[in-house]
N, C-alpha and C. Protein backbone atom coordinates (compact mmCIF):
# COMPACT_ATOMS: atom_id res chain seq x y z
N MET A 1 4.13 6.95 6.71
CA MET A 1 4.04 7.33 5.69
C MET A 1 5.28 7.52 4.72
N ASP A 2 6.53 7.38 5.33
CA ASP A 2 7.82 7.43 4.71
C ASP A 2 7.94 6.15 3.87
N LYS A 3 7.36 4.91 4.56
CA LYS A 3 7.52 3.66 3.81
C LYS A 3 6.56 3.79 2.56
N ILE A 4 5.28 4.28 2.72
CA ILE A 4 4.50 4.30 1.61
C ILE A 4 4.85 5.39 0.61
N ARG A 5 5.56 6.51 0.85
CA ARG A 5 6.04 7.26 -0.17
C ARG A 5 7.23 6.62 -0.94
N LYS A 6 8.13 6.07 -0.10
CA LYS A 6 9.06 5.30 -0.72
C LYS A 6 8.73 4.21 -1.74
N GLU A 7 7.62 3.42 -1.39
CA GLU A 7 7.25 2.44 -2.29
C GLU A 7 6.66 3.02 -3.42
N PHE A 8 5.89 4.08 -3.27
CA PHE A 8 5.39 4.91 -4.41
C PHE A 8 6.16 5.35 -5.52
N GLU A 9 7.23 5.96 -4.83
CA GLU A 9 8.32 6.82 -5.69
C GLU A 9 9.08 5.68 -6.56
N SER A 10 9.45 4.50 -5.63
CA SER A 10 9.99 3.43 -6.46
C SER A 10 9.24 2.94 -7.78
N TRP A 11 7.95 2.90 -7.51
CA TRP A 11 6.94 2.32 -8.52
C TRP A 11 6.83 3.37 -9.70
N ALA A 12 6.79 4.42 -9.21
CA ALA A 12 6.61 5.59 -10.19
C ALA A 12 7.85 5.83 -11.12
N ILE A 13 8.98 5.61 -10.72
CA ILE A 13 10.34 5.84 -11.39
C ILE A 13 10.60 4.44 -12.01
N SER A 14 10.34 3.27 -11.65
CA SER A 14 10.71 2.11 -12.30
C SER A 14 9.69 1.59 -13.22
N ASP A 15 8.40 1.69 -12.87
CA ASP A 15 7.34 1.39 -13.65
C ASP A 15 6.81 2.11 -14.75
N MET A 16 6.59 3.24 -14.25
CA MET A 16 5.97 4.37 -15.06
C MET A 16 7.05 5.31 -15.66
N GLY A 17 8.18 5.45 -15.28
CA GLY A 17 8.93 6.25 -15.88
C GLY A 17 9.08 7.70 -15.43
N TYR A 18 8.33 7.94 -14.44
CA TYR A 18 8.10 9.21 -13.99
C TYR A 18 9.48 9.75 -13.37
N MET A 19 9.65 11.47 -13.37
CA MET A 19 10.77 11.81 -12.47
C MET A 19 10.07 12.26 -11.19
N VAL A 20 10.78 12.30 -10.13
CA VAL A 20 10.10 12.45 -8.70
C VAL A 20 10.38 13.97 -8.63
N ALA A 21 9.72 14.86 -8.57
CA ALA A 21 9.79 16.17 -8.37
C ALA A 21 8.69 16.78 -7.24
N ARG A 22 8.99 16.61 -6.05
CA ARG A 22 8.03 16.86 -4.97
C ARG A 22 7.85 18.34 -4.80
N VAL A 23 6.47 18.70 -4.38
CA VAL A 23 5.81 19.91 -4.11
C VAL A 23 5.17 19.86 -2.85
N GLY A 24 5.53 20.25 -1.66
CA GLY A 24 4.87 19.90 -0.50
C GLY A 24 4.53 18.52 -0.33
N ASP A 25 3.29 18.12 0.01
CA ASP A 25 2.88 16.69 0.27
C ASP A 25 2.78 16.15 -1.26
N GLY A 26 2.66 16.73 -2.32
CA GLY A 26 2.29 16.20 -3.63
C GLY A 26 3.49 16.19 -4.41
N TYR A 27 3.24 16.49 -5.68
CA TYR A 27 4.24 16.36 -6.82
C TYR A 27 4.03 17.44 -8.09
N LYS A 28 4.94 17.77 -8.39
CA LYS A 28 4.97 18.97 -9.60
C LYS A 28 3.99 18.42 -10.85
N CYS A 29 4.31 17.30 -11.15
CA CYS A 29 3.48 16.63 -12.34
C CYS A 29 2.00 16.30 -11.87
N ASP A 30 1.10 16.71 -12.51
CA ASP A 30 -0.32 16.47 -12.36
C ASP A 30 -0.60 15.06 -12.16
N TYR A 31 0.02 14.33 -13.17
CA TYR A 31 -0.33 12.89 -13.34
C TYR A 31 0.29 11.99 -12.07
N MET A 32 1.47 12.50 -11.72
CA MET A 32 2.26 11.75 -10.67
C MET A 32 1.41 12.21 -9.23
N ASN A 33 0.99 13.27 -9.19
CA ASN A 33 0.37 13.70 -8.16
C ASN A 33 -1.33 12.98 -7.82
N THR A 34 -1.79 12.89 -8.98
CA THR A 34 -3.12 12.30 -8.94
C THR A 34 -2.74 10.71 -8.59
N ALA A 35 -1.83 10.08 -9.08
CA ALA A 35 -1.36 8.82 -8.88
C ALA A 35 -0.85 8.70 -7.36
N TRP A 36 -0.20 9.68 -6.77
CA TRP A 36 0.20 9.66 -5.43
C TRP A 36 -1.15 9.73 -4.58
N LEU A 37 -2.18 10.75 -4.92
CA LEU A 37 -3.35 10.68 -4.01
C LEU A 37 -4.09 9.33 -4.04
N SER A 38 -4.10 8.71 -5.35
CA SER A 38 -4.87 7.33 -5.36
C SER A 38 -4.02 6.16 -4.73
N TRP A 39 -2.58 6.28 -4.66
CA TRP A 39 -1.83 5.29 -3.87
C TRP A 39 -2.15 5.46 -2.49
N LYS A 40 -2.21 6.81 -1.82
CA LYS A 40 -2.45 6.97 -0.60
C LYS A 40 -3.87 6.52 -0.16
N ALA A 41 -4.85 6.76 -0.89
CA ALA A 41 -6.16 6.37 -0.46
C ALA A 41 -6.37 4.85 -0.55
N SER A 42 -5.52 4.20 -1.40
CA SER A 42 -5.80 2.77 -1.67
C SER A 42 -5.08 1.98 -0.29
N ARG A 43 -4.16 2.60 0.23
CA ARG A 43 -3.26 2.21 1.32
C ARG A 43 -4.27 2.31 2.57
N ALA A 44 -4.90 3.48 2.60
CA ALA A 44 -5.86 3.87 3.83
C ALA A 44 -7.02 2.88 3.78
N ALA A 45 -7.67 2.59 2.51
CA ALA A 45 -8.79 1.71 2.30
C ALA A 45 -8.36 0.23 2.65
N LEU A 46 -7.21 -0.37 2.66
CA LEU A 46 -6.80 -1.65 3.01
C LEU A 46 -7.22 -2.07 4.13
N CYS A 47 -8.10 -3.00 4.35
CA CYS A 47 -8.52 -3.65 5.81
C CYS A 47 -8.77 -5.05 5.52
N ILE A 48 -8.05 -5.87 6.39
CA ILE A 48 -8.15 -7.32 6.35
C ILE A 48 -9.14 -7.74 7.43
N GLU A 49 -10.21 -8.73 7.17
CA GLU A 49 -11.02 -9.04 8.28
C GLU A 49 -10.49 -10.47 8.70
N LEU A 50 -10.17 -10.51 10.01
CA LEU A 50 -9.61 -11.57 10.50
C LEU A 50 -10.81 -12.71 10.83
N PRO A 51 -10.51 -13.89 11.02
CA PRO A 51 -11.35 -14.96 11.29
C PRO A 51 -12.11 -14.66 12.71
N GLU A 52 -13.44 -14.72 12.88
CA GLU A 52 -14.04 -14.89 14.13
C GLU A 52 -13.31 -15.42 15.46
N ASN A 53 -13.01 -16.76 14.95
CA ASN A 53 -12.30 -17.62 16.02
C ASN A 53 -10.71 -17.15 16.46
N CYS A 54 -10.49 -16.03 16.11
CA CYS A 54 -9.01 -15.60 16.60
C CYS A 54 -9.08 -14.44 17.38
N LYS A 55 -10.16 -13.99 17.51
CA LYS A 55 -10.44 -12.57 18.43
C LYS A 55 -9.82 -12.97 19.85
N GLY A 56 -8.86 -12.02 20.17
CA GLY A 56 -8.19 -12.06 21.47
C GLY A 56 -7.17 -13.05 21.47
N MET A 57 -6.99 -14.04 20.24
CA MET A 57 -5.71 -14.84 20.39
C MET A 57 -4.86 -14.48 19.02
N ALA A 58 -3.75 -15.03 19.16
CA ALA A 58 -2.63 -14.76 17.92
C ALA A 58 -2.88 -15.72 16.69
N LEU A 59 -3.00 -15.38 15.65
CA LEU A 59 -2.89 -16.25 14.52
C LEU A 59 -1.59 -16.92 14.06
N THR A 60 -1.88 -17.97 13.58
CA THR A 60 -0.52 -18.59 13.23
C THR A 60 -0.05 -17.85 11.98
N VAL A 61 1.11 -18.10 11.51
CA VAL A 61 1.66 -17.53 10.25
C VAL A 61 0.83 -18.10 9.23
N SER A 62 0.55 -19.32 8.94
CA SER A 62 -0.21 -19.69 7.79
C SER A 62 -1.58 -19.28 7.93
N GLU A 63 -2.27 -19.15 9.20
CA GLU A 63 -3.51 -18.66 8.98
C GLU A 63 -3.57 -17.12 8.56
N LEU A 64 -2.58 -16.38 8.78
CA LEU A 64 -2.44 -15.01 8.62
C LEU A 64 -2.15 -14.70 7.09
N HIS A 65 -1.18 -15.82 6.47
CA HIS A 65 -0.96 -15.86 5.10
C HIS A 65 -2.18 -16.10 4.33
N ARG A 66 -3.28 -17.01 4.96
CA ARG A 66 -4.42 -17.59 4.23
C ARG A 66 -5.33 -16.23 3.88
N GLU A 67 -5.40 -15.41 5.12
CA GLU A 67 -6.30 -14.40 5.06
C GLU A 67 -5.95 -13.23 4.27
N LEU A 68 -4.40 -13.09 4.36
CA LEU A 68 -3.93 -12.00 3.34
C LEU A 68 -4.09 -12.51 1.90
N ASP A 69 -4.08 -13.66 1.55
CA ASP A 69 -4.28 -14.30 0.22
C ASP A 69 -5.53 -14.04 -0.23
N LYS A 70 -6.57 -14.36 0.48
CA LYS A 70 -7.87 -14.30 0.44
C LYS A 70 -8.38 -12.91 0.09
N ALA A 71 -7.45 -11.62 0.61
CA ALA A 71 -7.82 -10.49 0.54
C ALA A 71 -7.18 -9.92 -0.75
N GLY A 72 -6.19 -10.72 -1.33
CA GLY A 72 -5.39 -10.04 -2.34
C GLY A 72 -4.15 -9.25 -2.14
N VAL A 73 -3.92 -9.43 -0.73
CA VAL A 73 -2.48 -8.57 -0.40
C VAL A 73 -1.25 -9.44 -0.66
N SER A 74 -0.26 -8.77 -0.97
CA SER A 74 1.02 -9.52 -1.01
C SER A 74 1.81 -9.31 0.30
N TYR A 75 2.67 -10.07 0.41
CA TYR A 75 3.61 -10.16 1.57
C TYR A 75 4.96 -10.87 1.47
N LYS A 76 5.85 -10.69 2.26
CA LYS A 76 7.11 -11.20 2.10
C LYS A 76 7.49 -12.22 3.58
């Protein structure tokens, strides 16, 4: 969760111009708190379906990249 929160706060500060003021697991600002709940839900819902032919076997890097691209997930 720490990585997800750091990514969210970085986005909120740089892209949205929000100040980060935490209150428990949420934020003082209602807009920021709603954005945080949405951010967490979007990460929890993310699921990549891997090809049938790889069950029990490792994917090559290019195969993994192809599946991530199809799902619209960014990677480094």
